[in-house]
Amino acid sequence: MQNVIDRTNKFYLLMSRKVLSKKEYGVLEKLLIEKMSFEQAAQKYGVTSEDVQELYQRTCSKVKAVAELFSEIDQYEKKLQKLKRQLNPDPSPAAMRKEKAEKDRQKLLLDSSFPFSKRLLSVLETLEIKTIGELSDIPLKDFQNFNGFKIKCKEELTAFIEFENIQYLFKGFAVWKKQPIVRFK
């Protein structure tokens, strides 16, 4: 049972890292993970145990508020899904795939968290490609004909497509990614 509590403490602490100050995070880590007493933590930070206890209570309240926010967000997402199902009570798998494809096609390339190189960004900018849909409209075999699109760009474009899990938007992707780039002279 203690192992479950320890893992839960680590989870909440990691979730709260961006919300807590360095000191708050450090105090919680000492108390919850390293199992220090209030007195030991107070000595480590050069404050009284009452100060540590107060900081602990404030920090726990902050973490609890964040956890409640996540819970609320989750509830609203469920309500949204319920409303969507009421609007379209029995979407077929094909309709769901079509909706996902349309959503993926509208996504801006620069909204992706994929780390594009300047090389590939330059090629995409030259081609005036801003969305995944515009990218997927170009047959993959045609990319080798574009100036500046070489082996590294192909590797990076392949990695991007797999990173975003949008292979289904690119006809012949599985074959194309294995083929070498052929240059015509």
N, C-alpha and C. Protein backbone atom coordinates (compact mmCIF):
# COMPACT_ATOMS: atom_id res chain seq x y z
N MET A 1 0.84 -1.20 0.00
CA MET A 1 0.00 0.00 0.00
C MET A 1 0.88 1.25 0.00
N GLN A 2 1.99 1.20 0.73
CA GLN A 2 2.89 2.37 0.81
C GLN A 2 3.47 2.69 -0.56
N ASN A 3 3.74 1.65 -1.35
CA ASN A 3 4.28 1.86 -2.69
C ASN A 3 3.30 2.64 -3.56
N VAL A 4 2.01 2.36 -3.45
CA VAL A 4 0.98 3.08 -4.20
C VAL A 4 0.93 4.54 -3.77
N ILE A 5 1.02 4.78 -2.49
CA ILE A 5 1.02 6.15 -1.96
C ILE A 5 2.24 6.91 -2.46
N ASP A 6 3.41 6.26 -2.43
CA ASP A 6 4.63 6.91 -2.92
C ASP A 6 4.51 7.26 -4.40
N ARG A 7 3.99 6.34 -5.20
CA ARG A 7 3.83 6.63 -6.63
C ARG A 7 2.83 7.75 -6.86
N THR A 8 1.76 7.78 -6.08
CA THR A 8 0.77 8.85 -6.20
C THR A 8 1.39 10.19 -5.83
N ASN A 9 2.18 10.21 -4.77
CA ASN A 9 2.86 11.44 -4.36
C ASN A 9 3.79 11.93 -5.47
N LYS A 10 4.56 11.03 -6.07
CA LYS A 10 5.47 11.41 -7.17
C LYS A 10 4.68 11.97 -8.35
N PHE A 11 3.56 11.31 -8.64
CA PHE A 11 2.73 11.75 -9.77
C PHE A 11 2.21 13.17 -9.55
N TYR A 12 1.62 13.43 -8.38
CA TYR A 12 1.10 14.76 -8.09
C TYR A 12 2.21 15.80 -8.07
N LEU A 13 3.35 15.41 -7.56
CA LEU A 13 4.48 16.34 -7.51
C LEU A 13 4.93 16.70 -8.92
N LEU A 14 5.06 15.71 -9.79
CA LEU A 14 5.46 15.98 -11.17
C LEU A 14 4.42 16.82 -11.91
N MET A 15 3.13 16.53 -11.68
CA MET A 15 2.06 17.31 -12.31
C MET A 15 2.11 18.77 -11.88
N SER A 16 2.55 19.00 -10.66
CA SER A 16 2.50 20.34 -10.08
C SER A 16 3.78 21.13 -10.30
N ARG A 17 4.77 20.54 -10.92
CA ARG A 17 6.08 21.18 -11.07
C ARG A 17 6.00 22.58 -11.67
N LYS A 18 5.16 22.77 -12.67
CA LYS A 18 5.07 24.07 -13.34
C LYS A 18 4.29 25.10 -12.54
N VAL A 19 3.53 24.64 -11.57
CA VAL A 19 2.69 25.54 -10.77
C VAL A 19 3.42 26.00 -9.52
N LEU A 20 4.35 25.19 -9.05
CA LEU A 20 5.04 25.48 -7.79
C LEU A 20 6.34 26.23 -8.01
N SER A 21 6.71 27.04 -7.01
CA SER A 21 8.02 27.68 -7.05
C SER A 21 9.07 26.62 -6.75
N LYS A 22 10.34 26.96 -6.98
CA LYS A 22 11.42 26.01 -6.72
C LYS A 22 11.43 25.58 -5.25
N LYS A 23 11.22 26.54 -4.38
CA LYS A 23 11.24 26.26 -2.94
C LYS A 23 10.07 25.35 -2.55
N GLU A 24 8.87 25.67 -3.07
CA GLU A 24 7.70 24.85 -2.75
C GLU A 24 7.90 23.41 -3.25
N TYR A 25 8.41 23.30 -4.47
CA TYR A 25 8.65 21.99 -5.03
C TYR A 25 9.68 21.23 -4.19
N GLY A 26 10.74 21.92 -3.81
CA GLY A 26 11.80 21.30 -3.00
C GLY A 26 11.27 20.81 -1.66
N VAL A 27 10.46 21.64 -0.99
CA VAL A 27 9.91 21.26 0.32
C VAL A 27 9.01 20.03 0.17
N LEU A 28 8.13 20.06 -0.83
CA LEU A 28 7.25 18.90 -1.04
C LEU A 28 8.04 17.64 -1.37
N GLU A 29 9.07 17.80 -2.15
CA GLU A 29 9.90 16.65 -2.51
C GLU A 29 10.57 16.07 -1.26
N LYS A 30 11.08 16.95 -0.41
CA LYS A 30 11.74 16.49 0.82
C LYS A 30 10.74 15.77 1.73
N LEU A 31 9.54 16.31 1.86
CA LEU A 31 8.57 15.74 2.78
C LEU A 31 7.89 14.48 2.23
N LEU A 32 7.51 14.51 0.96
CA LEU A 32 6.73 13.40 0.42
C LEU A 32 7.58 12.27 -0.17
N ILE A 33 8.66 12.62 -0.82
CA ILE A 33 9.46 11.61 -1.51
C ILE A 33 10.60 11.12 -0.62
N GLU A 34 11.33 12.07 -0.04
CA GLU A 34 12.47 11.68 0.79
C GLU A 34 12.08 11.39 2.24
N LYS A 35 10.81 11.60 2.55
CA LYS A 35 10.26 11.29 3.88
C LYS A 35 10.96 12.02 5.03
N MET A 36 11.34 13.26 4.81
CA MET A 36 11.93 14.07 5.88
C MET A 36 10.82 14.56 6.81
N SER A 37 11.17 14.77 8.04
CA SER A 37 10.21 15.36 8.98
C SER A 37 10.21 16.88 8.77
N PHE A 38 9.21 17.55 9.37
CA PHE A 38 9.15 19.01 9.27
C PHE A 38 10.41 19.63 9.86
N GLU A 39 10.91 19.08 10.95
CA GLU A 39 12.09 19.61 11.62
C GLU A 39 13.34 19.47 10.73
N GLN A 40 13.49 18.30 10.07
CA GLN A 40 14.65 18.10 9.20
C GLN A 40 14.60 19.06 8.00
N ALA A 41 13.43 19.22 7.43
CA ALA A 41 13.28 20.13 6.29
C ALA A 41 13.54 21.57 6.73
N ALA A 42 13.08 21.92 7.94
CA ALA A 42 13.30 23.26 8.46
C ALA A 42 14.79 23.53 8.61
N GLN A 43 15.54 22.56 9.12
CA GLN A 43 16.99 22.73 9.27
C GLN A 43 17.64 22.88 7.89
N LYS A 44 17.21 22.09 6.93
CA LYS A 44 17.79 22.14 5.59
C LYS A 44 17.59 23.51 4.94
N TYR A 45 16.41 24.12 5.16
CA TYR A 45 16.12 25.41 4.55
C TYR A 45 16.39 26.59 5.48
N GLY A 46 16.80 26.32 6.70
CA GLY A 46 17.13 27.40 7.64
C GLY A 46 15.93 28.20 8.11
N VAL A 47 14.79 27.53 8.30
CA VAL A 47 13.58 28.18 8.78
C VAL A 47 13.02 27.35 9.93
N THR A 48 11.94 27.81 10.50
CA THR A 48 11.33 27.05 11.60
C THR A 48 10.44 25.93 11.03
N SER A 49 10.17 24.95 11.85
CA SER A 49 9.31 23.85 11.40
C SER A 49 7.89 24.34 11.15
N GLU A 50 7.48 25.41 11.87
CA GLU A 50 6.15 26.00 11.62
C GLU A 50 6.09 26.61 10.22
N ASP A 51 7.21 27.25 9.81
CA ASP A 51 7.26 27.83 8.46
C ASP A 51 7.15 26.72 7.40
N VAL A 52 7.83 25.61 7.63
CA VAL A 52 7.78 24.49 6.70
C VAL A 52 6.37 23.91 6.67
N GLN A 53 5.76 23.79 7.82
CA GLN A 53 4.41 23.24 7.90
C GLN A 53 3.42 24.15 7.17
N GLU A 54 3.57 25.46 7.35
CA GLU A 54 2.70 26.43 6.68
C GLU A 54 2.90 26.36 5.16
N LEU A 55 4.18 26.30 4.73
CA LEU A 55 4.49 26.20 3.31
C LEU A 55 3.92 24.90 2.73
N TYR A 56 4.04 23.83 3.49
CA TYR A 56 3.51 22.53 3.08
C TYR A 56 1.98 22.61 2.87
N GLN A 57 1.29 23.23 3.82
CA GLN A 57 -0.17 23.34 3.72
C GLN A 57 -0.58 24.21 2.54
N ARG A 58 0.13 25.34 2.34
CA ARG A 58 -0.17 26.23 1.20
C ARG A 58 0.08 25.49 -0.12
N THR A 59 1.18 24.79 -0.17
CA THR A 59 1.55 24.08 -1.40
C THR A 59 0.57 22.96 -1.69
N CYS A 60 0.18 22.23 -0.68
CA CYS A 60 -0.81 21.16 -0.87
C CYS A 60 -2.13 21.73 -1.37
N SER A 61 -2.51 22.90 -0.85
CA SER A 61 -3.74 23.55 -1.32
C SER A 61 -3.62 23.91 -2.80
N LYS A 62 -2.44 24.41 -3.17
CA LYS A 62 -2.21 24.79 -4.56
C LYS A 62 -2.29 23.55 -5.47
N VAL A 63 -1.66 22.45 -5.04
CA VAL A 63 -1.68 21.21 -5.81
C VAL A 63 -3.11 20.68 -5.92
N LYS A 64 -3.85 20.76 -4.83
CA LYS A 64 -5.24 20.30 -4.83
C LYS A 64 -6.07 21.13 -5.82
N ALA A 65 -5.83 22.44 -5.85
CA ALA A 65 -6.57 23.31 -6.78
C ALA A 65 -6.26 22.93 -8.23
N VAL A 66 -5.00 22.63 -8.51
CA VAL A 66 -4.62 22.23 -9.87
C VAL A 66 -5.29 20.91 -10.24
N ALA A 67 -5.28 19.96 -9.29
CA ALA A 67 -5.92 18.66 -9.54
C ALA A 67 -7.42 18.83 -9.79
N GLU A 68 -8.05 19.72 -9.05
CA GLU A 68 -9.48 19.99 -9.25
C GLU A 68 -9.73 20.61 -10.62
N LEU A 69 -8.82 21.49 -11.04
CA LEU A 69 -8.94 22.10 -12.37
C LEU A 69 -8.89 21.03 -13.46
N PHE A 70 -7.92 20.10 -13.33
CA PHE A 70 -7.82 19.02 -14.30
C PHE A 70 -9.10 18.19 -14.30
N SER A 71 -9.65 17.96 -13.14
CA SER A 71 -10.89 17.20 -13.02
C SER A 71 -12.03 17.93 -13.72
N GLU A 72 -12.11 19.24 -13.53
CA GLU A 72 -13.15 20.04 -14.19
C GLU A 72 -13.00 20.00 -15.70
N ILE A 73 -11.75 20.13 -16.17
CA ILE A 73 -11.50 20.08 -17.61
C ILE A 73 -11.96 18.74 -18.17
N ASP A 74 -11.63 17.68 -17.46
CA ASP A 74 -12.04 16.35 -17.88
C ASP A 74 -13.57 16.23 -17.95
N GLN A 75 -14.25 16.79 -16.95
CA GLN A 75 -15.72 16.76 -16.93
C GLN A 75 -16.30 17.53 -18.13
N TYR A 76 -15.71 18.70 -18.42
CA TYR A 76 -16.21 19.48 -19.55
C TYR A 76 -15.95 18.77 -20.88
N GLU A 77 -14.81 18.09 -20.99
CA GLU A 77 -14.56 17.33 -22.21
C GLU A 77 -15.58 16.21 -22.38
N LYS A 78 -15.93 15.55 -21.28
CA LYS A 78 -16.94 14.50 -21.35
C LYS A 78 -18.30 15.07 -21.74
N LYS A 79 -18.65 16.25 -21.18
CA LYS A 79 -19.90 16.90 -21.54
C LYS A 79 -19.92 17.25 -23.03
N LEU A 80 -18.78 17.75 -23.52
CA LEU A 80 -18.68 18.11 -24.93
C LEU A 80 -18.88 16.88 -25.81
N GLN A 81 -18.25 15.77 -25.43
CA GLN A 81 -18.42 14.53 -26.20
C GLN A 81 -19.88 14.07 -26.17
N LYS A 82 -20.51 14.21 -25.01
CA LYS A 82 -21.93 13.81 -24.87
C LYS A 82 -22.80 14.68 -25.78
N LEU A 83 -22.54 15.99 -25.80
CA LEU A 83 -23.31 16.88 -26.67
C LEU A 83 -23.09 16.55 -28.14
N LYS A 84 -21.86 16.20 -28.49
CA LYS A 84 -21.58 15.82 -29.87
C LYS A 84 -22.33 14.55 -30.25
N ARG A 85 -22.40 13.60 -29.31
CA ARG A 85 -23.14 12.36 -29.58
C ARG A 85 -24.63 12.63 -29.70
N GLN A 86 -25.14 13.61 -28.93
CA GLN A 86 -26.55 13.96 -29.04
C GLN A 86 -26.84 14.60 -30.39
N LEU A 87 -25.90 15.40 -30.86
CA LEU A 87 -26.05 16.05 -32.15
C LEU A 87 -25.99 15.01 -33.28
N ASN A 88 -25.07 14.09 -33.14
CA ASN A 88 -24.91 13.00 -34.11
C ASN A 88 -24.86 11.70 -33.33
N PRO A 89 -26.04 11.15 -32.99
CA PRO A 89 -26.11 10.05 -32.02
C PRO A 89 -25.36 8.77 -32.40
N ASP A 90 -25.25 8.47 -33.66
CA ASP A 90 -24.60 7.22 -34.03
C ASP A 90 -23.65 7.45 -35.20
N PRO A 91 -22.53 8.11 -34.94
CA PRO A 91 -21.61 8.34 -36.06
C PRO A 91 -20.98 7.01 -36.49
N SER A 92 -20.92 6.82 -37.75
CA SER A 92 -20.31 5.61 -38.27
C SER A 92 -18.79 5.73 -38.13
N PRO A 93 -18.10 4.62 -38.14
CA PRO A 93 -16.63 4.68 -38.09
C PRO A 93 -16.06 5.51 -39.25
N ALA A 94 -16.69 5.40 -40.40
CA ALA A 94 -16.22 6.18 -41.55
C ALA A 94 -16.38 7.68 -41.29
N ALA A 95 -17.50 8.07 -40.67
CA ALA A 95 -17.72 9.49 -40.36
C ALA A 95 -16.70 9.97 -39.33
N MET A 96 -16.40 9.11 -38.37
CA MET A 96 -15.41 9.49 -37.36
C MET A 96 -14.02 9.65 -37.98
N ARG A 97 -13.66 8.74 -38.90
CA ARG A 97 -12.36 8.84 -39.59
C ARG A 97 -12.31 10.11 -40.44
N LYS A 98 -13.43 10.40 -41.11
CA LYS A 98 -13.48 11.59 -41.96
C LYS A 98 -13.31 12.86 -41.11
N GLU A 99 -13.98 12.90 -39.97
CA GLU A 99 -13.87 14.05 -39.08
C GLU A 99 -12.44 14.22 -38.56
N LYS A 100 -11.80 13.11 -38.20
CA LYS A 100 -10.41 13.16 -37.72
C LYS A 100 -9.49 13.64 -38.84
N ALA A 101 -9.70 13.10 -40.04
CA ALA A 101 -8.87 13.49 -41.18
C ALA A 101 -9.00 14.98 -41.45
N GLU A 102 -10.22 15.49 -41.41
CA GLU A 102 -10.44 16.92 -41.67
C GLU A 102 -9.77 17.77 -40.59
N LYS A 103 -9.88 17.34 -39.36
CA LYS A 103 -9.23 18.06 -38.25
C LYS A 103 -7.72 18.06 -38.43
N ASP A 104 -7.15 16.89 -38.78
CA ASP A 104 -5.71 16.79 -39.00
C ASP A 104 -5.27 17.66 -40.18
N ARG A 105 -6.05 17.67 -41.25
CA ARG A 105 -5.68 18.46 -42.44
C ARG A 105 -5.65 19.96 -42.15
N GLN A 106 -6.48 20.43 -41.24
CA GLN A 106 -6.54 21.86 -40.93
C GLN A 106 -5.43 22.32 -39.98
N LYS A 107 -4.77 21.38 -39.34
CA LYS A 107 -3.74 21.73 -38.37
C LYS A 107 -2.57 22.43 -39.05
N LEU A 108 -2.13 23.53 -38.46
CA LEU A 108 -0.98 24.26 -38.98
C LEU A 108 0.30 23.49 -38.67
N LEU A 109 1.21 23.47 -39.61
CA LEU A 109 2.48 22.78 -39.40
C LEU A 109 3.23 23.35 -38.20
N LEU A 110 3.21 24.66 -38.06
CA LEU A 110 3.97 25.29 -36.98
C LEU A 110 3.31 25.12 -35.62
N ASP A 111 2.06 24.60 -35.58
CA ASP A 111 1.42 24.29 -34.31
C ASP A 111 1.89 22.95 -33.76
N SER A 112 2.58 22.20 -34.58
CA SER A 112 3.10 20.89 -34.15
C SER A 112 4.28 21.11 -33.20
N SER A 113 4.46 20.19 -32.29
CA SER A 113 5.61 20.29 -31.38
C SER A 113 6.83 19.58 -31.98
N PHE A 114 6.73 19.19 -33.24
CA PHE A 114 7.86 18.55 -33.93
C PHE A 114 8.95 19.59 -34.17
N PRO A 115 10.22 19.24 -33.89
CA PRO A 115 11.32 20.20 -34.07
C PRO A 115 11.80 20.25 -35.53
N PHE A 116 11.18 21.07 -36.33
CA PHE A 116 11.57 21.20 -37.73
C PHE A 116 12.95 21.83 -37.85
N SER A 117 13.72 21.37 -38.83
CA SER A 117 15.01 21.99 -39.11
C SER A 117 14.78 23.19 -40.02
N LYS A 118 15.76 24.08 -40.08
CA LYS A 118 15.64 25.25 -40.97
C LYS A 118 15.59 24.79 -42.42
N ARG A 119 16.28 23.70 -42.71
CA ARG A 119 16.34 23.16 -44.07
C ARG A 119 14.93 22.81 -44.57
N LEU A 120 14.20 22.00 -43.80
CA LEU A 120 12.87 21.59 -44.22
C LEU A 120 11.89 22.76 -44.17
N LEU A 121 12.01 23.60 -43.15
CA LEU A 121 11.13 24.77 -43.08
C LEU A 121 11.30 25.67 -44.30
N SER A 122 12.53 25.79 -44.77
CA SER A 122 12.81 26.60 -45.95
C SER A 122 12.12 26.01 -47.18
N VAL A 123 12.20 24.68 -47.34
CA VAL A 123 11.55 24.02 -48.48
C VAL A 123 10.03 24.22 -48.39
N LEU A 124 9.46 24.02 -47.21
CA LEU A 124 8.01 24.16 -47.04
C LEU A 124 7.57 25.61 -47.26
N GLU A 125 8.40 26.56 -46.81
CA GLU A 125 8.08 27.97 -47.01
C GLU A 125 8.12 28.33 -48.49
N THR A 126 9.10 27.81 -49.21
CA THR A 126 9.20 28.05 -50.64
C THR A 126 7.97 27.52 -51.37
N LEU A 127 7.47 26.37 -50.90
CA LEU A 127 6.28 25.76 -51.51
C LEU A 127 4.98 26.37 -50.99
N GLU A 128 5.11 27.31 -50.04
CA GLU A 128 3.97 27.99 -49.40
C GLU A 128 3.01 26.99 -48.75
N ILE A 129 3.58 26.01 -48.05
CA ILE A 129 2.79 25.00 -47.34
C ILE A 129 2.70 25.42 -45.88
N LYS A 130 1.46 25.61 -45.41
CA LYS A 130 1.26 26.04 -44.03
C LYS A 130 0.49 25.02 -43.19
N THR A 131 -0.31 24.18 -43.85
CA THR A 131 -1.12 23.20 -43.11
C THR A 131 -0.74 21.78 -43.52
N ILE A 132 -1.14 20.84 -42.68
CA ILE A 132 -0.90 19.43 -42.99
C ILE A 132 -1.68 19.04 -44.24
N GLY A 133 -2.86 19.61 -44.42
CA GLY A 133 -3.65 19.33 -45.61
C GLY A 133 -2.94 19.73 -46.89
N GLU A 134 -2.34 20.92 -46.88
CA GLU A 134 -1.59 21.37 -48.06
C GLU A 134 -0.40 20.46 -48.31
N LEU A 135 0.23 20.00 -47.25
CA LEU A 135 1.37 19.09 -47.37
C LEU A 135 0.92 17.76 -47.96
N SER A 136 -0.21 17.24 -47.47
CA SER A 136 -0.68 15.92 -47.94
C SER A 136 -1.25 15.97 -49.35
N ASP A 137 -1.57 17.15 -49.86
CA ASP A 137 -2.09 17.27 -51.22
C ASP A 137 -1.01 17.04 -52.27
N ILE A 138 0.24 17.17 -51.88
CA ILE A 138 1.35 16.97 -52.81
C ILE A 138 1.73 15.49 -52.79
N PRO A 139 1.75 14.83 -53.94
CA PRO A 139 2.18 13.42 -53.96
C PRO A 139 3.62 13.31 -53.42
N LEU A 140 3.85 12.32 -52.60
CA LEU A 140 5.16 12.19 -51.95
C LEU A 140 6.29 12.04 -52.96
N LYS A 141 6.04 11.35 -54.07
CA LYS A 141 7.09 11.15 -55.07
C LYS A 141 7.54 12.47 -55.71
N ASP A 142 6.69 13.49 -55.65
CA ASP A 142 7.04 14.79 -56.25
C ASP A 142 8.02 15.59 -55.39
N PHE A 143 8.14 15.27 -54.13
CA PHE A 143 9.03 16.05 -53.26
C PHE A 143 10.48 16.00 -53.74
N GLN A 144 10.91 14.87 -54.30
CA GLN A 144 12.29 14.76 -54.73
C GLN A 144 12.63 15.73 -55.86
N ASN A 145 11.62 16.28 -56.52
CA ASN A 145 11.84 17.21 -57.62
C ASN A 145 12.00 18.66 -57.14
N PHE A 146 11.71 18.90 -55.87
CA PHE A 146 11.78 20.27 -55.36
C PHE A 146 13.21 20.61 -54.97
N ASN A 147 13.58 21.82 -55.33
CA ASN A 147 14.93 22.30 -55.04
C ASN A 147 15.19 22.32 -53.53
N GLY A 148 16.26 21.70 -53.09
CA GLY A 148 16.63 21.69 -51.68
C GLY A 148 16.12 20.49 -50.91
N PHE A 149 15.22 19.70 -51.53
CA PHE A 149 14.68 18.52 -50.85
C PHE A 149 15.59 17.34 -51.15
N LYS A 150 16.40 17.01 -50.14
CA LYS A 150 17.36 15.91 -50.30
C LYS A 150 17.11 14.87 -49.23
N ILE A 151 18.09 14.02 -49.01
CA ILE A 151 17.95 12.88 -48.09
C ILE A 151 17.54 13.32 -46.69
N LYS A 152 18.20 14.34 -46.15
CA LYS A 152 17.89 14.79 -44.78
C LYS A 152 16.46 15.32 -44.69
N CYS A 153 16.00 16.04 -45.70
CA CYS A 153 14.62 16.54 -45.70
C CYS A 153 13.63 15.39 -45.76
N LYS A 154 13.96 14.36 -46.57
CA LYS A 154 13.07 13.21 -46.65
C LYS A 154 13.00 12.50 -45.31
N GLU A 155 14.14 12.31 -44.66
CA GLU A 155 14.17 11.66 -43.35
C GLU A 155 13.35 12.47 -42.35
N GLU A 156 13.50 13.78 -42.39
CA GLU A 156 12.77 14.64 -41.45
C GLU A 156 11.28 14.66 -41.74
N LEU A 157 10.90 14.72 -43.02
CA LEU A 157 9.48 14.70 -43.38
C LEU A 157 8.85 13.37 -42.95
N THR A 158 9.58 12.28 -43.16
CA THR A 158 9.11 10.97 -42.73
C THR A 158 8.91 10.95 -41.22
N ALA A 159 9.88 11.48 -40.48
CA ALA A 159 9.80 11.52 -39.02
C ALA A 159 8.61 12.38 -38.58
N PHE A 160 8.38 13.50 -39.27
CA PHE A 160 7.25 14.38 -38.93
C PHE A 160 5.93 13.66 -39.13
N ILE A 161 5.78 13.00 -40.27
CA ILE A 161 4.53 12.30 -40.58
C ILE A 161 4.27 11.21 -39.54
N GLU A 162 5.31 10.49 -39.16
CA GLU A 162 5.15 9.44 -38.15
C GLU A 162 4.93 10.04 -36.77
N PHE A 163 5.58 11.16 -36.47
CA PHE A 163 5.42 11.83 -35.18
C PHE A 163 3.98 12.28 -34.98
N GLU A 164 3.39 12.83 -36.02
CA GLU A 164 2.01 13.32 -35.95
C GLU A 164 0.99 12.20 -36.18
N ASN A 165 1.48 11.02 -36.57
CA ASN A 165 0.63 9.85 -36.82
C ASN A 165 -0.42 10.16 -37.90
N ILE A 166 0.06 10.71 -39.01
CA ILE A 166 -0.83 11.11 -40.11
C ILE A 166 -0.48 10.37 -41.40
N GLN A 167 0.11 9.19 -41.28
CA GLN A 167 0.50 8.42 -42.45
C GLN A 167 -0.68 8.16 -43.37
N TYR A 168 -1.87 8.03 -42.79
CA TYR A 168 -3.06 7.71 -43.58
C TYR A 168 -3.43 8.83 -44.56
N LEU A 169 -2.91 10.03 -44.34
CA LEU A 169 -3.20 11.13 -45.26
C LEU A 169 -2.32 11.11 -46.50
N PHE A 170 -1.26 10.30 -46.48
CA PHE A 170 -0.28 10.28 -47.57
C PHE A 170 -0.33 8.95 -48.29
N LYS A 171 -0.83 8.96 -49.50
CA LYS A 171 -0.97 7.74 -50.29
C LYS A 171 0.43 7.18 -50.60
N GLY A 172 0.59 5.90 -50.31
CA GLY A 172 1.85 5.23 -50.60
C GLY A 172 2.99 5.58 -49.65
N PHE A 173 2.68 6.07 -48.47
CA PHE A 173 3.72 6.51 -47.52
C PHE A 173 4.67 5.38 -47.15
N ALA A 174 4.14 4.20 -46.85
CA ALA A 174 4.98 3.08 -46.40
C ALA A 174 6.03 2.70 -47.44
N VAL A 175 5.67 2.76 -48.71
CA VAL A 175 6.61 2.44 -49.78
C VAL A 175 7.58 3.60 -49.99
N TRP A 176 7.06 4.82 -50.03
CA TRP A 176 7.87 6.01 -50.30
C TRP A 176 8.99 6.20 -49.29
N LYS A 177 8.69 5.96 -48.03
CA LYS A 177 9.71 6.23 -47.00
C LYS A 177 10.91 5.31 -47.12
N LYS A 178 10.74 4.15 -47.80
CA LYS A 178 11.85 3.20 -47.96
C LYS A 178 12.63 3.41 -49.26
N GLN A 179 12.06 4.18 -50.18
CA GLN A 179 12.70 4.38 -51.47
C GLN A 179 13.78 5.48 -51.38
N PRO A 180 14.90 5.29 -52.08
CA PRO A 180 15.91 6.35 -52.09
C PRO A 180 15.46 7.50 -52.99
N ILE A 181 16.05 8.65 -52.76
CA ILE A 181 15.75 9.82 -53.60
C ILE A 181 16.53 9.68 -54.90
N VAL A 182 15.80 9.78 -56.02
CA VAL A 182 16.41 9.65 -57.34
C VAL A 182 16.43 11.03 -57.97
N ARG A 183 17.59 11.46 -58.41
CA ARG A 183 17.73 12.77 -59.06
C ARG A 183 17.88 12.57 -60.57
N PHE A 184 17.13 13.35 -61.32
CA PHE A 184 17.25 13.33 -62.77
C PHE A 184 18.20 14.44 -63.20
N LYS A 185 19.06 14.15 -64.18
CA LYS A 185 20.03 15.15 -64.62
C LYS A 185 19.68 15.70 -65.96
